[in-house]
Protein backbone atom coordinates (compact mmCIF):
# COMPACT_ATOMS: atom_id res chain seq x y z
CA MET A 1 -8.34 22.74 -0.82
CA LEU A 2 -7.71 19.38 0.84
CA VAL A 3 -4.74 17.40 -0.39
CA LYS A 4 -5.63 13.82 -1.33
CA ALA A 5 -3.36 10.89 -0.55
CA THR A 6 -1.78 8.84 -3.36
CA LEU A 7 -0.04 5.50 -3.71
CA THR A 8 2.69 5.33 -6.34
CA HIS A 9 4.54 2.31 -7.74
CA MET A 10 8.20 3.35 -7.37
CA THR A 11 9.37 1.48 -10.50
CA THR A 12 6.65 2.26 -13.04
CA LEU A 13 5.48 5.53 -11.42
CA GLU A 14 1.86 4.39 -11.86
CA SER A 15 -0.31 6.16 -9.33
CA PHE A 16 -3.32 4.93 -7.36
CA PRO A 17 -5.80 7.68 -6.41
CA VAL A 18 -6.92 7.61 -2.82
CA LEU A 19 -10.34 9.17 -3.09
CA TRP A 20 -10.37 10.66 0.39
CA ASN A 21 -8.09 11.89 3.09
CA PRO A 22 -7.40 9.02 5.49
CA LYS A 23 -9.15 9.30 8.84
CA SER A 24 -6.03 7.92 10.47
CA TYR A 25 -2.87 5.98 9.89
CA SER A 26 -0.32 4.33 12.11
CA VAL A 27 3.41 3.74 11.88
CA SER A 28 5.13 1.17 14.06
CA ARG A 29 8.69 -0.07 14.50
CA ASP A 30 9.51 -3.58 15.72
CA HIS A 31 12.68 -4.94 17.27
CA ARG A 32 13.31 -8.60 18.04
CA PHE A 33 15.54 -9.60 20.91
CA ALA A 34 17.29 -12.83 21.78
CA ALA A 35 18.75 -13.98 25.07
CA PRO A 36 22.34 -15.25 24.90
CA ALA A 37 22.96 -18.88 25.80
CA ALA A 38 25.19 -17.99 28.76
CA LEU A 39 24.43 -15.02 30.98
CA SER A 40 27.24 -12.86 32.25
CA ALA A 41 27.09 -10.44 35.15
CA HIS A 42 28.67 -7.77 32.95
CA HIS A 43 26.28 -8.00 30.01
CA SER A 44 22.62 -7.43 29.41
CA PRO A 45 20.70 -10.70 29.04
CA LEU A 46 19.15 -9.45 25.80
CA ARG A 47 20.70 -8.87 22.40
CA LEU A 48 19.08 -7.28 19.38
CA SER A 49 18.63 -10.03 16.77
CA VAL A 50 16.50 -8.23 14.17
CA GLY A 51 15.52 -4.61 14.37
CA GLY A 52 14.15 -1.60 12.69
CA ALA A 53 11.26 -3.13 10.73
CA GLU A 54 8.73 -0.34 10.22
CA ARG A 55 5.10 -0.78 9.25
CA PHE A 56 2.53 1.68 7.96
CA PHE A 57 -1.19 0.91 8.19
CA THR A 58 -4.25 2.77 6.93
CA ARG A 59 -7.79 2.13 5.70
CA LEU A 60 -8.54 3.38 2.21
CA PHE A 61 -12.12 4.27 1.29
CA LEU A 62 -13.05 3.74 -2.35
CA ASP A 63 -16.38 4.99 -3.67
CA ALA A 64 -17.45 5.11 -7.31
CA SER A 65 -21.21 5.17 -6.74
CA ALA A 66 -21.59 8.64 -8.27
CA GLN A 67 -19.31 8.10 -11.28
CA ILE A 68 -20.74 8.25 -14.76
CA PRO A 69 -20.69 6.44 -17.16
CA PRO A 70 -21.71 3.33 -15.20
CA GLU A 71 -18.88 1.18 -16.63
CA ARG A 72 -16.42 3.41 -14.72
CA GLN A 73 -18.14 2.54 -11.44
CA ASP A 74 -16.60 -0.93 -11.08
CA LEU A 75 -13.86 -0.59 -8.45
CA ARG A 76 -12.42 -4.05 -9.01
CA GLY A 77 -9.90 -2.62 -11.48
CA LEU A 78 -8.38 -0.32 -8.85
CA VAL A 79 -8.24 -3.08 -6.26
CA ASP A 80 -6.80 -5.49 -8.85
CA LEU A 81 -4.04 -2.93 -9.45
CA LEU A 82 -3.22 -2.91 -5.73
CA GLU A 83 -3.19 -6.70 -5.72
CA ARG A 84 -0.75 -6.76 -8.66
CA TRP A 85 1.45 -4.31 -6.75
CA SER A 86 1.49 -6.76 -3.83
CA ASP A 87 2.75 -9.65 -6.00
CA VAL A 88 6.42 -10.64 -6.09
CA GLN A 89 7.61 -10.37 -9.70
CA ALA A 90 9.78 -13.02 -11.38
CA GLY A 91 13.40 -12.64 -10.34
CA ALA A 92 12.58 -10.44 -7.33
CA ASP A 93 12.59 -11.24 -3.62
CA LEU A 94 9.96 -8.69 -2.59
CA PRO A 95 6.87 -7.04 -4.05
CA PRO A 96 7.51 -3.67 -5.73
CA ARG A 97 8.19 -0.72 -3.47
CA LEU A 98 5.33 1.77 -3.14
CA LEU A 99 5.15 5.34 -1.91
CA PHE A 100 2.22 6.49 0.20
CA ALA A 101 2.12 10.29 0.10
CA TRP A 102 -0.26 12.63 1.87
CA GLY A 103 0.72 16.25 2.26
CA SER A 104 4.22 16.26 3.75
CA PHE A 105 3.95 12.63 5.02
CA ARG A 106 5.79 9.98 2.99
CA PHE A 107 6.19 6.26 3.60
CA ARG A 108 8.00 3.94 1.20
CA GLY A 109 7.56 0.21 1.61
CA HIS A 110 6.36 -3.09 0.23
CA VAL A 111 2.80 -4.37 0.57
CA GLU A 112 2.77 -6.72 3.54
CA ALA A 113 -1.01 -7.07 3.86
CA LEU A 114 -4.04 -6.10 1.80
CA ARG A 115 -7.63 -6.74 2.88
CA GLN A 116 -10.77 -5.81 0.92
CA GLU A 117 -14.24 -5.24 2.30
CA TRP A 118 -16.91 -4.54 -0.32
CA THR A 119 -19.82 -2.58 1.16
CA ARG A 120 -22.03 -1.32 -1.69
CA PHE A 121 -23.13 -2.78 -5.01
CA ASP A 122 -25.19 -1.63 -7.98
CA ALA A 123 -28.38 -3.52 -8.83
CA ASP A 124 -26.39 -5.77 -11.22
CA GLY A 125 -23.85 -6.67 -8.49
CA THR A 126 -21.11 -4.30 -9.60
CA PRO A 127 -19.06 -3.33 -6.52
CA VAL A 128 -19.03 0.47 -6.15
CA ARG A 129 -17.82 1.01 -2.59
CA ALA A 130 -15.05 -0.63 -0.57
CA TRP A 131 -12.71 -0.32 2.37
CA VAL A 132 -9.18 -1.54 1.75
CA ASP A 133 -6.87 -2.14 4.70
CA LEU A 134 -3.27 -1.62 3.60
CA THR A 135 -0.06 -2.42 5.45
CA LEU A 136 3.30 -1.41 3.99
CA ARG A 137 6.58 -2.59 5.46
CA ARG A 138 10.13 -1.30 5.10
């Protein structure tokens, strides 16, 4: 049996079902360097100014076209939940921390970017299929 990926809000423990196993994901780490004002023969011209920022990116596929009853087919509720999880709450400096889990892989971070692409609709315009690009940062 294939293990499905999940997104979990680390404060409320609400879980977002990822309806498929991701085709791919990427993790990157960024460092920012600065050159000192005066160069010395004994020192490297670069200094680490900010480092260690890690990002996780994946594309989530959401498909409710086969769900019954029809009122459960509208995917906007799931995407709205992700959007709420990307909002900074009153009194906080960052959006809530989320956990992306798939098998033994875990990544905890805050939503840095969220992009929706709606690709299928019922006859009445209800969106039933979407790709959601998600970037988490820690």
